[in-house]
Amino acid sequence: MKKSKAYWNRLIHRDLACFFLGLIIAFSASGIILNHRVDIDPQEYTVQTDAI
């Protein structure tokens, strides 16, 4: 039995939605961690720069 275009459209839409949801969760978690890293892992560090 041949699958309809609506079936494949629904299937692809579901898979893409799950993929992009995973990306959104990963990027939001990493953003929160990077913005609040002083609270999560307080470390003293210095940055030394030299003029070129």
N, C-alpha and C. Protein backbone atom coordinates (compact mmCIF):
# COMPACT_ATOMS: atom_id res chain seq x y z
N MET A 1 0.84 -1.18 0.00
CA MET A 1 0.00 0.00 0.00
C MET A 1 0.89 1.24 0.00
N LYS A 2 0.60 2.18 -0.88
CA LYS A 2 1.38 3.38 -1.02
C LYS A 2 1.01 4.39 0.06
N LYS A 3 2.02 4.98 0.65
CA LYS A 3 1.80 5.99 1.70
C LYS A 3 1.51 7.34 1.03
N SER A 4 0.64 8.11 1.63
CA SER A 4 0.27 9.40 1.06
C SER A 4 1.31 10.47 1.40
N LYS A 5 1.22 11.58 0.69
CA LYS A 5 2.13 12.71 0.96
C LYS A 5 1.91 13.27 2.36
N ALA A 6 0.69 13.25 2.81
CA ALA A 6 0.40 13.75 4.16
C ALA A 6 1.09 12.89 5.21
N TYR A 7 1.14 11.59 4.98
CA TYR A 7 1.81 10.69 5.92
C TYR A 7 3.29 11.04 6.01
N TRP A 8 3.96 11.17 4.83
CA TRP A 8 5.38 11.49 4.83
C TRP A 8 5.65 12.88 5.37
N ASN A 9 4.77 13.82 5.08
CA ASN A 9 4.91 15.17 5.61
C ASN A 9 4.84 15.17 7.13
N ARG A 10 3.90 14.44 7.68
CA ARG A 10 3.75 14.34 9.13
C ARG A 10 4.97 13.66 9.75
N LEU A 11 5.48 12.62 9.10
CA LEU A 11 6.63 11.89 9.60
C LEU A 11 7.89 12.76 9.62
N ILE A 12 8.15 13.45 8.53
CA ILE A 12 9.32 14.32 8.45
C ILE A 12 9.19 15.48 9.42
N HIS A 13 8.01 16.05 9.52
CA HIS A 13 7.77 17.16 10.44
C HIS A 13 8.05 16.74 11.88
N ARG A 14 7.60 15.56 12.26
CA ARG A 14 7.84 15.05 13.62
C ARG A 14 9.32 14.86 13.89
N ASP A 15 10.03 14.26 12.93
CA ASP A 15 11.46 14.00 13.12
C ASP A 15 12.26 15.29 13.19
N LEU A 16 11.95 16.24 12.32
CA LEU A 16 12.65 17.53 12.36
C LEU A 16 12.35 18.28 13.66
N ALA A 17 11.13 18.21 14.12
CA ALA A 17 10.77 18.88 15.37
C ALA A 17 11.54 18.30 16.54
N CYS A 18 11.68 16.99 16.60
CA CYS A 18 12.45 16.36 17.68
C CYS A 18 13.92 16.74 17.60
N PHE A 19 14.46 16.78 16.39
CA PHE A 19 15.87 17.15 16.21
C PHE A 19 16.12 18.59 16.68
N PHE A 20 15.28 19.53 16.23
CA PHE A 20 15.49 20.92 16.59
C PHE A 20 15.16 21.18 18.06
N LEU A 21 14.26 20.43 18.64
CA LEU A 21 14.01 20.54 20.07
C LEU A 21 15.25 20.15 20.85
N GLY A 22 15.92 19.09 20.43
CA GLY A 22 17.17 18.70 21.07
C GLY A 22 18.23 19.78 20.97
N LEU A 23 18.34 20.40 19.80
CA LEU A 23 19.30 21.49 19.63
C LEU A 23 18.97 22.68 20.53
N ILE A 24 17.71 23.03 20.61
CA ILE A 24 17.29 24.16 21.44
C ILE A 24 17.60 23.89 22.90
N ILE A 25 17.33 22.69 23.36
CA ILE A 25 17.60 22.35 24.76
C ILE A 25 19.10 22.38 25.03
N ALA A 26 19.91 21.84 24.11
CA ALA A 26 21.36 21.82 24.30
C ALA A 26 21.94 23.24 24.32
N PHE A 27 21.50 24.09 23.40
CA PHE A 27 22.03 25.45 23.36
C PHE A 27 21.55 26.27 24.55
N SER A 28 20.32 26.07 24.99
CA SER A 28 19.85 26.84 26.14
C SER A 28 20.55 26.39 27.41
N ALA A 29 20.79 25.09 27.57
CA ALA A 29 21.50 24.61 28.76
C ALA A 29 22.94 25.12 28.76
N SER A 30 23.62 25.09 27.63
CA SER A 30 24.99 25.57 27.59
C SER A 30 25.04 27.08 27.81
N GLY A 31 24.06 27.81 27.32
CA GLY A 31 24.02 29.25 27.55
C GLY A 31 23.82 29.59 29.02
N ILE A 32 22.95 28.87 29.68
CA ILE A 32 22.73 29.10 31.11
C ILE A 32 23.99 28.77 31.90
N ILE A 33 24.64 27.67 31.54
CA ILE A 33 25.86 27.28 32.24
C ILE A 33 26.96 28.32 32.02
N LEU A 34 27.12 28.81 30.81
CA LEU A 34 28.16 29.79 30.54
C LEU A 34 27.86 31.13 31.21
N ASN A 35 26.61 31.53 31.27
CA ASN A 35 26.27 32.81 31.90
C ASN A 35 26.37 32.77 33.41
N HIS A 36 26.21 31.61 34.00
CA HIS A 36 26.21 31.48 35.46
C HIS A 36 27.34 30.59 35.94
N ARG A 37 28.46 30.57 35.23
CA ARG A 37 29.54 29.68 35.62
C ARG A 37 30.22 30.10 36.91
N VAL A 38 30.11 31.37 37.29
CA VAL A 38 30.69 31.81 38.56
C VAL A 38 29.94 31.16 39.72
N ASP A 39 28.63 31.01 39.59
CA ASP A 39 27.85 30.36 40.64
C ASP A 39 28.05 28.85 40.66
N ILE A 40 28.26 28.26 39.49
CA ILE A 40 28.40 26.81 39.39
C ILE A 40 29.80 26.37 39.80
N ASP A 41 30.83 27.02 39.26
CA ASP A 41 32.22 26.62 39.52
C ASP A 41 33.07 27.88 39.71
N PRO A 42 33.05 28.44 40.93
CA PRO A 42 33.81 29.68 41.15
C PRO A 42 35.32 29.43 41.11
N GLN A 43 35.98 30.05 40.17
CA GLN A 43 37.43 29.95 40.07
C GLN A 43 37.99 31.34 39.83
N GLU A 44 39.15 31.58 40.40
CA GLU A 44 39.84 32.84 40.16
C GLU A 44 40.79 32.63 38.98
N TYR A 45 40.67 33.46 37.98
CA TYR A 45 41.57 33.36 36.84
C TYR A 45 41.88 34.74 36.33
N THR A 46 43.04 34.88 35.71
CA THR A 46 43.44 36.16 35.15
C THR A 46 43.74 35.94 33.67
N VAL A 47 43.59 37.02 32.94
CA VAL A 47 43.87 37.00 31.52
C VAL A 47 44.96 38.01 31.24
N GLN A 48 46.05 37.57 30.60
CA GLN A 48 47.15 38.45 30.29
C GLN A 48 47.15 38.69 28.80
N THR A 49 47.19 39.95 28.40
CA THR A 49 47.21 40.29 26.98
C THR A 49 48.46 41.08 26.68
N ASP A 50 48.96 40.91 25.48
CA ASP A 50 50.13 41.65 25.01
C ASP A 50 49.75 42.39 23.75
N ALA A 51 50.22 43.63 23.65
CA ALA A 51 49.95 44.41 22.44
C ALA A 51 50.78 43.87 21.29
N ILE A 52 50.19 43.86 20.12
CA ILE A 52 50.91 43.35 18.95
C ILE A 52 51.53 44.50 18.20
